[in-house]
Amino acid sequence: MDTSPVTIDMLIEARWIVPVEPAGVVLEHHAVAVKDGRIVAVLPSDRARQQFRPATLRVLDEHVLIPGLVNLHAHAAMNLLRGYADDQPLMRWLNDHIWPAEQRHVSHDFVRDGTLLACAEMLRGGVTCFSDMYFFPDAAAEAVLEAGIRAALGVVIIEFPSAWATDADQYISRGLAVRDRYKQEPHLHFTLAPHAPYTVSDATFERVRTLAEQLDLPIHMHIHETRDEIEQSVQQHGMRPLERLRRLGLVSPHLIGVHAVHLTDDEITLLAREGASVAHCPTSNMKLASGAAPVTALEAAGIAVGLGTDGAASNNRLDLFQEMRHAGLMAKLVSGDAAALPAQRLLHMATLGGARALGLEHEIGSITVGKSADLCAVALTEPETRPCYSPVSHLVYAAGREHVSDVWVSGIARVMQGDLLHPHNNDLKARARLWQNQVAR
């Protein structure tokens, strides 16, 4: 029997590996073997060196290796509006500042450049996949492919005109045309993205439901973010937004409800029964004073919960380490239970939880043989991360995106030793300055 080492593309040895699946497992002095962009083995490092002959060996003596993080809700191009209108409640922020700025400035170039900037920020912070909702998804697709990240791009749908489309029908037709153009790209996935119940009509929602069923696409939508939108729905439609969506057939396994801050017990039961998912955005919810989503109740009901940053205009960081920490602390504060949402669950939400919501759990979200090698290494080498009794606890409560050392997407290095491997990194900074000057004027 031939016992010679098997040739592979890369072997990553780490002090700790947290595969996320199975839950609660922490592997010490293990390695991940990668070939053709996929994980082919997870095994002790000494055995890995005997079994494999890698073209590239990466030794991470004081690091924890985790799956790439999944940002379940973003408006990536809004990186160009970071800090533009801070300290405002949601509807004033939207109506008086953000929507007027978008009407003036959003274009194909704005979205491409803003999304490139967001991709750079997310990759440096260990995010390897994000779910986006914004205009000009064709421009976002160009940026995603250039950056080498993975994304689920939303076919954004709204009733009012923009530079991208004039009405709901055109939003749908143009968005689906982008999907058709790029659907063979392995790093591009798509969702239907009606903005929110207060900006989409019943007739349009019926089309969204039909398309989701025909094309088997997730429905990525803001729901129950503020009390005000719920009160307006009761006045205009005689019912709460989620009940309206239920009657229109939108509450289903396709639904990714973003924010979901203000939910009754019956609404939580409804989401669980229908198999819907939730994108929890704790930092944005705090900054806009929207409230605290009932995450412990959602988790207890068996609802798939992932973490999202929202856009940089309302956060102001695309930082999943911050979202893990804020989600955990908020849950403990609101529930009065210090054991609520332990670190392992928070890491699950930031990885496999988001992947499951997008229907990508077969491809990403855990360090599992057969999955894509979307990986993130976090260095626990600095004084603020020592000593380390639990690497998972450190990931949530001590480390941050500044400790991310290496990131791979499909086995291709995108960040190495803290440096973003992007050929146009300096050009990105120049483009950001140009847009800042234009928006400020």
Protein backbone atom coordinates (compact mmCIF):
# COMPACT_ATOMS: atom_id res chain seq x y z
CA MET A 1 0.00 0.00 0.00
CA ASP A 2 1.30 3.46 -0.98
CA THR A 3 1.97 5.49 2.19
CA SER A 4 3.76 8.41 0.54
CA PRO A 5 2.47 11.89 1.46
CA VAL A 6 -0.46 13.27 -0.55
CA THR A 7 0.25 16.49 -2.44
CA ILE A 8 -2.06 19.34 -1.46
CA ASP A 9 -2.16 23.09 -2.00
CA MET A 10 -1.90 24.26 1.61
CA LEU A 11 -1.58 23.06 5.17
CA ILE A 12 -2.50 25.44 8.01
CA GLU A 13 -1.30 24.43 11.47
CA ALA A 14 -2.76 26.30 14.43
CA ARG A 15 -2.45 26.37 18.20
CA TRP A 16 -6.25 26.10 18.35
CA ILE A 17 -8.91 25.31 15.77
CA VAL A 18 -12.56 26.05 16.53
CA PRO A 19 -14.50 24.25 13.79
CA VAL A 20 -17.96 25.44 15.03
CA GLU A 21 -19.29 22.04 13.94
CA PRO A 22 -19.52 20.00 16.15
CA ALA A 23 -20.61 22.59 18.70
CA GLY A 24 -18.33 23.19 21.66
CA VAL A 25 -15.24 21.55 20.14
CA VAL A 26 -11.82 23.21 20.43
CA LEU A 27 -8.96 21.34 18.75
CA GLU A 28 -5.41 21.95 19.96
CA HIS A 29 -2.32 21.58 17.76
CA HIS A 30 -4.37 20.56 14.74
CA ALA A 31 -4.10 21.37 11.05
CA VAL A 32 -6.42 22.03 8.12
CA ALA A 33 -5.48 20.54 4.76
CA VAL A 34 -6.69 22.39 1.66
CA LYS A 35 -6.78 21.28 -1.95
CA ASP A 36 -8.52 23.01 -4.87
CA GLY A 37 -10.02 25.54 -2.48
CA ARG A 38 -11.69 22.94 -0.26
CA ILE A 39 -11.00 21.43 3.12
CA VAL A 40 -9.83 17.85 2.65
CA ALA A 41 -8.83 17.01 6.24
CA VAL A 42 -8.76 18.32 9.81
CA LEU A 43 -6.30 16.34 11.91
CA PRO A 44 -3.48 16.61 14.49
CA SER A 45 -0.51 18.57 13.18
CA ASP A 46 2.05 15.80 13.63
CA ARG A 47 -0.08 13.40 11.59
CA ALA A 48 -0.77 16.08 8.98
CA ARG A 49 2.95 16.53 8.29
CA GLN A 50 3.31 12.80 7.72
CA GLN A 51 0.19 12.47 5.60
CA PHE A 52 0.44 15.55 3.34
CA ARG A 53 3.01 17.34 1.20
CA PRO A 54 1.72 20.94 0.96
CA ALA A 55 2.80 23.50 -1.62
CA THR A 56 2.29 26.10 1.14
CA LEU A 57 2.70 25.56 4.88
CA ARG A 58 1.34 28.18 7.26
CA VAL A 59 2.27 27.69 10.90
CA LEU A 60 0.19 29.68 13.39
CA ASP A 61 1.80 28.88 16.73
CA GLU A 62 -0.22 31.30 18.86
CA HIS A 63 -3.39 31.67 16.83
CA VAL A 64 -6.95 30.41 16.79
CA LEU A 65 -8.29 29.33 13.39
CA ILE A 66 -12.03 29.77 12.84
CA PRO A 67 -14.41 29.73 9.87
CA GLY A 68 -14.61 32.98 7.95
CA LEU A 69 -17.19 35.29 9.53
CA VAL A 70 -20.53 35.86 7.80
CA ASN A 71 -22.02 39.37 7.87
CA LEU A 72 -25.73 38.64 7.43
CA HIS A 73 -26.82 42.23 6.77
CA ALA A 74 -24.92 45.09 5.17
CA HIS A 75 -25.35 48.06 2.86
CA ALA A 76 -21.76 47.88 1.66
CA ALA A 77 -21.66 50.94 -0.59
CA MET A 78 -22.75 53.11 2.36
CA ASN A 79 -19.14 52.96 3.55
CA LEU A 80 -18.88 56.21 1.57
CA LEU A 81 -21.44 57.73 3.98
CA ARG A 82 -19.71 56.59 7.18
CA GLY A 83 -20.27 59.25 9.85
CA TYR A 84 -22.29 61.43 7.46
CA ALA A 85 -25.34 61.86 9.73
CA ASP A 86 -24.72 60.51 13.20
CA ASP A 87 -26.84 60.66 16.36
CA GLN A 88 -30.26 60.72 14.69
CA PRO A 89 -33.34 58.50 15.19
CA LEU A 90 -33.99 56.12 12.29
CA MET A 91 -36.74 57.88 10.33
CA ARG A 92 -35.18 61.36 10.70
CA TRP A 93 -31.82 59.85 9.76
CA LEU A 94 -33.38 58.28 6.63
CA ASN A 95 -35.78 61.02 5.53
CA ASP A 96 -33.69 64.11 6.27
CA HIS A 97 -30.16 62.88 5.60
CA ILE A 98 -29.52 59.48 4.03
CA TRP A 99 -32.19 59.28 1.34
CA PRO A 100 -31.50 62.86 0.09
CA ALA A 101 -27.75 62.12 -0.01
CA GLU A 102 -28.39 58.92 -1.93
CA GLN A 103 -30.59 60.74 -4.43
CA ARG A 104 -27.74 63.17 -5.09
CA HIS A 105 -24.77 60.82 -5.19
CA VAL A 106 -25.61 57.14 -5.71
CA SER A 107 -24.42 55.84 -9.08
CA HIS A 108 -22.69 52.81 -10.53
CA ASP A 109 -19.28 54.28 -9.61
CA PHE A 110 -20.42 55.22 -6.10
CA VAL A 111 -21.59 51.65 -5.42
CA ARG A 112 -18.53 50.01 -6.94
CA ASP A 113 -16.08 52.17 -5.00
CA GLY A 114 -18.07 52.05 -1.76
CA THR A 115 -18.42 48.28 -1.97
CA LEU A 116 -14.70 47.85 -2.67
CA LEU A 117 -13.96 49.91 0.43
CA ALA A 118 -16.37 47.77 2.45
CA CYS A 119 -14.87 44.54 1.14
CA ALA A 120 -11.41 45.69 2.20
CA GLU A 121 -12.67 46.54 5.69
CA MET A 122 -14.53 43.26 6.08
CA LEU A 123 -11.69 41.06 4.83
CA ARG A 124 -9.26 42.71 7.23
CA GLY A 125 -11.76 41.93 9.99
CA GLY A 126 -12.12 38.24 9.13
CA VAL A 127 -15.39 38.49 7.20
CA THR A 128 -15.37 36.22 4.16
CA CYS A 129 -19.05 36.47 3.18
CA PHE A 130 -21.64 39.25 3.45
CA SER A 131 -25.30 39.67 2.54
CA ASP A 132 -25.85 43.01 0.85
CA MET A 133 -28.88 45.21 0.17
CA TYR A 134 -28.26 48.19 -2.08
CA PHE A 135 -28.79 49.80 -5.46
CA PHE A 136 -26.68 48.89 -8.52
CA PRO A 137 -26.00 45.25 -7.61
CA ASP A 138 -24.09 44.97 -10.90
CA ALA A 139 -21.53 47.44 -9.53
CA ALA A 140 -21.42 45.55 -6.23
CA ALA A 141 -20.79 42.33 -8.15
CA GLU A 142 -17.80 43.90 -9.90
CA ALA A 143 -16.36 44.98 -6.55
CA VAL A 144 -16.93 41.58 -4.91
CA LEU A 145 -15.16 39.75 -7.73
CA GLU A 146 -12.26 42.20 -7.67
CA ALA A 147 -11.87 41.92 -3.90
CA GLY A 148 -12.09 38.12 -3.86
CA ILE A 149 -14.68 37.97 -1.10
CA ARG A 150 -17.98 36.01 -1.12
CA ALA A 151 -21.34 37.81 -1.16
CA ALA A 152 -25.08 37.32 -1.37
CA LEU A 153 -26.24 40.37 -3.33
CA GLY A 154 -29.77 41.61 -2.85
CA VAL A 155 -32.13 42.34 -5.71
CA VAL A 156 -33.24 45.51 -3.92
CA ILE A 157 -36.94 46.36 -4.33
CA ILE A 158 -38.61 49.58 -3.25
CA GLU A 159 -41.51 51.65 -4.58
CA PHE A 160 -39.79 55.01 -5.05
CA PRO A 161 -37.40 55.89 -7.90
CA SER A 162 -33.62 56.04 -7.67
CA ALA A 163 -30.73 56.30 -10.09
CA TRP A 164 -30.92 52.49 -10.37
CA ALA A 165 -34.60 52.03 -11.22
CA THR A 166 -37.85 53.97 -11.52
CA ASP A 167 -40.40 51.60 -9.96
CA ALA A 168 -40.75 48.17 -8.35
CA ASP A 169 -41.10 46.37 -11.68
CA GLN A 170 -37.84 47.83 -12.96
CA TYR A 171 -36.03 47.10 -9.69
CA ILE A 172 -37.06 43.46 -10.07
CA SER A 173 -36.30 43.12 -13.78
CA ARG A 174 -32.92 44.85 -13.61
CA GLY A 175 -31.92 43.01 -10.44
CA LEU A 176 -32.81 39.60 -11.84
CA ALA A 177 -30.88 40.43 -15.02
CA VAL A 178 -27.78 40.97 -12.83
CA ARG A 179 -28.43 37.62 -11.18
CA ASP A 180 -28.68 35.89 -14.54
CA ARG A 181 -25.43 37.50 -15.68
CA TYR A 182 -23.45 36.38 -12.63
CA LYS A 183 -25.18 33.23 -11.41
CA GLN A 184 -22.30 31.00 -12.54
CA GLU A 185 -19.79 32.88 -10.37
CA PRO A 186 -19.05 30.60 -7.37
CA HIS A 187 -18.51 33.52 -4.96
CA LEU A 188 -21.72 35.36 -5.91
CA HIS A 189 -25.10 34.41 -4.51
CA PHE A 190 -28.34 36.36 -4.65
CA THR A 191 -31.36 37.23 -2.54
CA LEU A 192 -34.59 39.10 -3.15
CA ALA A 193 -34.33 42.25 -1.06
CA PRO A 194 -37.59 44.18 -0.63
CA HIS A 195 -36.52 47.07 1.60
CA ALA A 196 -39.22 46.93 4.29
CA PRO A 197 -42.99 46.58 4.71
CA TYR A 198 -43.34 50.38 4.92
CA THR A 199 -41.69 50.91 1.49
CA VAL A 200 -43.19 47.99 -0.49
CA SER A 201 -46.79 47.47 -1.64
CA ASP A 202 -48.93 44.37 -1.31
CA ALA A 203 -48.85 43.80 -5.08
CA THR A 204 -45.06 43.91 -5.13
CA PHE A 205 -44.85 41.59 -2.14
CA GLU A 206 -46.99 39.06 -3.99
CA ARG A 207 -44.50 39.11 -6.86
CA VAL A 208 -41.63 38.69 -4.40
CA ARG A 209 -43.29 35.64 -2.85
CA THR A 210 -43.81 34.03 -6.27
CA LEU A 211 -40.25 34.72 -7.37
CA ALA A 212 -38.80 33.38 -4.12
CA GLU A 213 -40.70 30.13 -4.59
CA GLN A 214 -39.88 29.82 -8.31
CA LEU A 215 -36.18 30.70 -8.01
CA ASP A 216 -35.61 29.34 -4.48
CA LEU A 217 -34.10 32.62 -3.30
CA PRO A 218 -33.93 34.01 0.24
CA ILE A 219 -35.98 37.13 1.01
CA HIS A 220 -33.74 39.63 2.79
CA MET A 221 -35.89 42.37 4.39
CA HIS A 222 -35.98 44.83 7.31
CA ILE A 223 -38.80 43.99 9.73
CA HIS A 224 -39.97 45.47 13.04
CA GLU A 225 -36.92 47.68 13.46
CA THR A 226 -38.76 50.46 15.33
CA ARG A 227 -41.99 50.90 17.25
CA ASP A 228 -42.90 53.79 14.94
CA GLU A 229 -43.03 51.61 11.82
CA ILE A 230 -45.27 49.13 13.66
CA GLU A 231 -47.64 51.89 14.71
CA GLN A 232 -47.77 53.25 11.16
CA SER A 233 -48.59 49.79 9.83
CA VAL A 234 -51.44 49.43 12.30
CA GLN A 235 -52.82 52.81 11.19
CA GLN A 236 -52.44 52.15 7.44
CA HIS A 237 -53.15 48.42 7.21
CA GLY A 238 -54.96 47.61 10.43
CA MET A 239 -52.27 45.13 11.47
CA ARG A 240 -48.64 44.81 12.49
CA PRO A 241 -46.09 44.41 9.66
CA LEU A 242 -45.33 40.75 10.37
CA GLU A 243 -49.02 39.85 10.30
CA ARG A 244 -49.32 41.62 6.95
CA LEU A 245 -46.35 39.64 5.65
CA ARG A 246 -47.90 36.42 6.97
CA ARG A 247 -51.15 37.07 5.10
CA LEU A 248 -49.18 37.77 1.93
CA GLY A 249 -47.25 34.50 2.28
CA LEU A 250 -43.87 36.12 2.97
CA VAL A 251 -43.21 34.46 6.33
CA SER A 252 -41.53 31.24 5.24
CA PRO A 253 -38.15 29.48 5.27
CA HIS A 254 -37.09 32.01 2.60
CA LEU A 255 -37.42 34.99 4.96
CA ILE A 256 -34.37 36.59 6.59
CA GLY A 257 -35.92 39.20 8.86
CA VAL A 258 -33.41 41.95 9.53
CA HIS A 259 -33.42 43.62 12.97
CA ALA A 260 -36.65 42.01 14.30
CA VAL A 261 -36.37 44.17 17.40
CA HIS A 262 -40.01 44.53 18.45
CA LEU A 263 -41.62 41.09 18.47
CA THR A 264 -44.42 39.62 20.53
CA ASP A 265 -44.30 36.05 21.81
CA ASP A 266 -46.80 35.07 19.12
CA GLU A 267 -44.62 36.62 16.41
CA ILE A 268 -41.58 34.70 17.67
CA THR A 269 -43.68 31.52 17.54
CA LEU A 270 -44.74 32.39 13.99
CA LEU A 271 -41.16 32.90 12.79
CA ALA A 272 -40.10 29.62 14.40
CA ARG A 273 -43.05 27.65 13.02
CA GLU A 274 -42.51 28.93 9.48
CA GLY A 275 -38.73 28.36 9.55
CA ALA A 276 -37.73 32.01 9.06
CA SER A 277 -34.32 33.39 10.05
CA VAL A 278 -33.25 36.63 11.74
CA ALA A 279 -30.29 38.93 11.10
CA HIS A 280 -29.45 40.51 14.46
CA CYS A 281 -27.71 43.91 14.21
CA PRO A 282 -27.05 44.92 17.82
CA THR A 283 -24.71 47.87 17.23
CA SER A 284 -26.96 49.60 14.70
CA ASN A 285 -30.00 48.95 16.91
CA MET A 286 -28.25 50.60 19.85
CA LYS A 287 -26.86 53.53 17.86
CA LEU A 288 -30.24 54.37 16.31
CA ALA A 289 -31.98 53.73 19.66
CA SER A 290 -34.23 51.18 17.93
CA GLY A 291 -34.16 48.79 20.87
CA ALA A 292 -32.85 45.36 21.80
CA ALA A 293 -33.98 42.36 19.77
CA PRO A 294 -35.19 39.39 21.89
CA VAL A 295 -32.31 37.19 20.79
CA THR A 296 -32.42 34.76 23.70
CA ALA A 297 -36.11 34.10 22.99
CA LEU A 298 -35.39 33.69 19.26
CA GLU A 299 -32.63 31.20 20.00
CA ALA A 300 -34.78 29.35 22.52
CA ALA A 301 -37.51 29.03 19.88
CA GLY A 302 -35.04 27.39 17.49
CA ILE A 303 -34.89 30.29 15.03
CA ALA A 304 -31.68 30.54 13.00
CA VAL A 305 -30.00 33.80 14.04
CA GLY A 306 -27.01 35.38 12.32
CA LEU A 307 -25.19 38.64 12.98
CA GLY A 308 -25.15 41.69 10.76
CA THR A 309 -23.44 45.06 10.91
CA ASP A 310 -25.98 47.08 8.91
CA GLY A 311 -24.29 49.84 6.89
CA ALA A 312 -21.32 51.91 7.95
CA ALA A 313 -23.59 54.98 7.95
CA SER A 314 -25.45 53.61 10.97
CA ASN A 315 -22.87 51.55 12.86
CA ASN A 316 -20.12 52.86 11.88
CA ARG A 317 -17.99 49.70 11.53
CA LEU A 318 -18.36 46.51 9.51
CA ASP A 319 -16.93 44.56 12.42
CA LEU A 320 -18.29 41.13 13.34
CA PHE A 321 -16.09 40.92 16.45
CA GLN A 322 -17.88 44.02 17.72
CA GLU A 323 -21.26 42.50 16.83
CA MET A 324 -20.49 39.28 18.72
CA ARG A 325 -19.46 41.23 21.80
CA HIS A 326 -22.39 43.65 21.65
CA ALA A 327 -24.90 40.85 21.01
CA GLY A 328 -23.67 38.95 24.04
CA LEU A 329 -23.55 41.93 26.38
CA MET A 330 -26.93 43.22 25.25
CA ALA A 331 -28.56 39.82 25.76
CA LYS A 332 -27.15 39.53 29.28
CA LEU A 333 -28.22 43.06 30.19
CA VAL A 334 -31.77 42.75 28.83
CA SER A 335 -32.42 39.25 30.19
CA GLY A 336 -30.72 39.77 33.55
CA ASP A 337 -29.01 36.43 32.97
CA ALA A 338 -25.20 36.42 32.82
CA ALA A 339 -25.33 32.99 31.18
CA ALA A 340 -27.40 34.22 28.23
CA LEU A 341 -25.76 33.76 24.82
CA PRO A 342 -22.43 32.21 25.81
CA ALA A 343 -19.38 32.78 23.62
CA GLN A 344 -19.78 29.52 21.67
CA ARG A 345 -23.30 30.53 20.60
CA LEU A 346 -22.13 33.99 19.57
CA LEU A 347 -19.37 32.52 17.40
CA HIS A 348 -21.96 30.17 15.88
CA MET A 349 -24.20 33.15 15.07
CA ALA A 350 -21.29 34.95 13.39
CA THR A 351 -20.43 31.94 11.21
CA LEU A 352 -22.75 28.98 10.70
CA GLY A 353 -25.88 30.89 11.79
CA GLY A 354 -25.44 33.40 8.98
CA ALA A 355 -24.52 30.68 6.50
CA ARG A 356 -27.69 28.73 7.31
CA ALA A 357 -29.89 31.80 6.93
CA LEU A 358 -28.47 32.28 3.41
CA GLY A 359 -28.82 28.60 2.51
CA LEU A 360 -25.02 28.30 2.27
CA GLU A 361 -24.38 26.00 5.23
CA HIS A 362 -23.27 23.23 2.84
CA GLU A 363 -20.50 25.53 1.55
CA ILE A 364 -19.31 27.76 4.41
CA GLY A 365 -19.77 28.49 8.12
CA SER A 366 -17.69 25.71 9.71
CA ILE A 367 -14.33 24.02 9.30
CA THR A 368 -15.68 20.80 7.88
CA VAL A 369 -14.23 18.40 5.33
CA GLY A 370 -15.73 19.11 1.93
CA LYS A 371 -16.57 22.76 2.58
CA SER A 372 -14.89 25.74 1.00
CA ALA A 373 -11.71 26.84 2.77
CA ASP A 374 -13.10 30.18 3.94
CA LEU A 375 -10.96 30.67 7.04
CA CYS A 376 -9.84 33.33 9.50
CA ALA A 377 -6.82 33.24 11.81
CA VAL A 378 -6.76 35.40 14.94
CA ALA A 379 -3.44 36.03 16.69
CA LEU A 380 -3.56 35.79 20.48
CA THR A 381 -0.01 37.10 20.83
CA GLU A 382 -0.42 40.56 22.33
CA PRO A 383 -0.57 41.50 26.04
CA GLU A 384 -4.31 42.23 25.83
CA THR A 385 -4.96 38.61 24.80
CA ARG A 386 -2.82 36.94 27.46
CA PRO A 387 -3.16 34.66 29.29
CA CYS A 388 -5.67 32.58 27.34
CA TYR A 389 -7.76 30.06 29.24
CA SER A 390 -10.44 29.81 26.54
CA PRO A 391 -9.78 30.86 22.93
CA VAL A 392 -13.52 31.08 22.21
CA SER A 393 -14.03 33.44 25.14
CA HIS A 394 -11.14 35.55 23.87
CA LEU A 395 -12.64 35.74 20.37
CA VAL A 396 -15.78 37.33 21.78
CA TYR A 397 -14.66 39.29 24.83
CA ALA A 398 -10.97 40.13 24.42
CA ALA A 399 -9.76 39.97 20.81
CA GLY A 400 -10.92 42.23 17.99
CA ARG A 401 -10.60 42.59 14.26
CA GLU A 402 -7.17 44.18 14.81
CA HIS A 403 -5.94 40.74 15.86
CA VAL A 404 -6.93 39.06 12.58
CA SER A 405 -3.70 37.92 10.95
CA ASP A 406 -4.74 35.83 7.96
CA VAL A 407 -7.88 35.34 5.88
CA TRP A 408 -8.57 32.87 3.09
CA VAL A 409 -11.54 32.66 0.72
CA SER A 410 -11.78 29.33 -1.12
CA GLY A 411 -8.23 28.65 -0.02
CA ILE A 412 -6.85 31.85 -1.57
CA ALA A 413 -5.07 34.21 0.81
CA ARG A 414 -6.77 37.63 0.98
CA VAL A 415 -5.08 38.86 4.17
CA MET A 416 -1.61 37.72 5.22
CA GLN A 417 0.09 38.70 8.48
CA GLY A 418 -2.38 41.55 8.83
CA ASP A 419 -1.84 42.98 5.35
CA LEU A 420 -4.67 43.15 2.83
CA LEU A 421 -3.53 41.48 -0.39
CA HIS A 422 -5.35 43.83 -2.74
CA PRO A 423 -3.57 45.34 -5.74
CA HIS A 424 -5.39 48.67 -5.48
CA ASN A 425 -5.24 49.34 -1.74
CA ASN A 426 -3.78 52.86 -2.08
CA ASP A 427 -6.16 53.64 -4.93
CA LEU A 428 -9.07 52.76 -2.63
CA LYS A 429 -7.98 55.44 -0.18
CA ALA A 430 -7.76 58.02 -2.96
CA ARG A 431 -11.23 57.13 -4.22
CA ALA A 432 -12.64 57.48 -0.70
CA ARG A 433 -11.15 60.99 -0.45
CA LEU A 434 -12.70 62.00 -3.78
CA TRP A 435 -16.15 60.81 -2.70
CA GLN A 436 -15.78 62.53 0.66
CA ASN A 437 -15.09 65.83 -1.10
CA GLN A 438 -18.06 65.37 -3.41
CA VAL A 439 -20.54 64.38 -0.67
CA ALA A 440 -19.32 67.14 1.66
CA ARG A 441 -20.01 69.74 -1.01
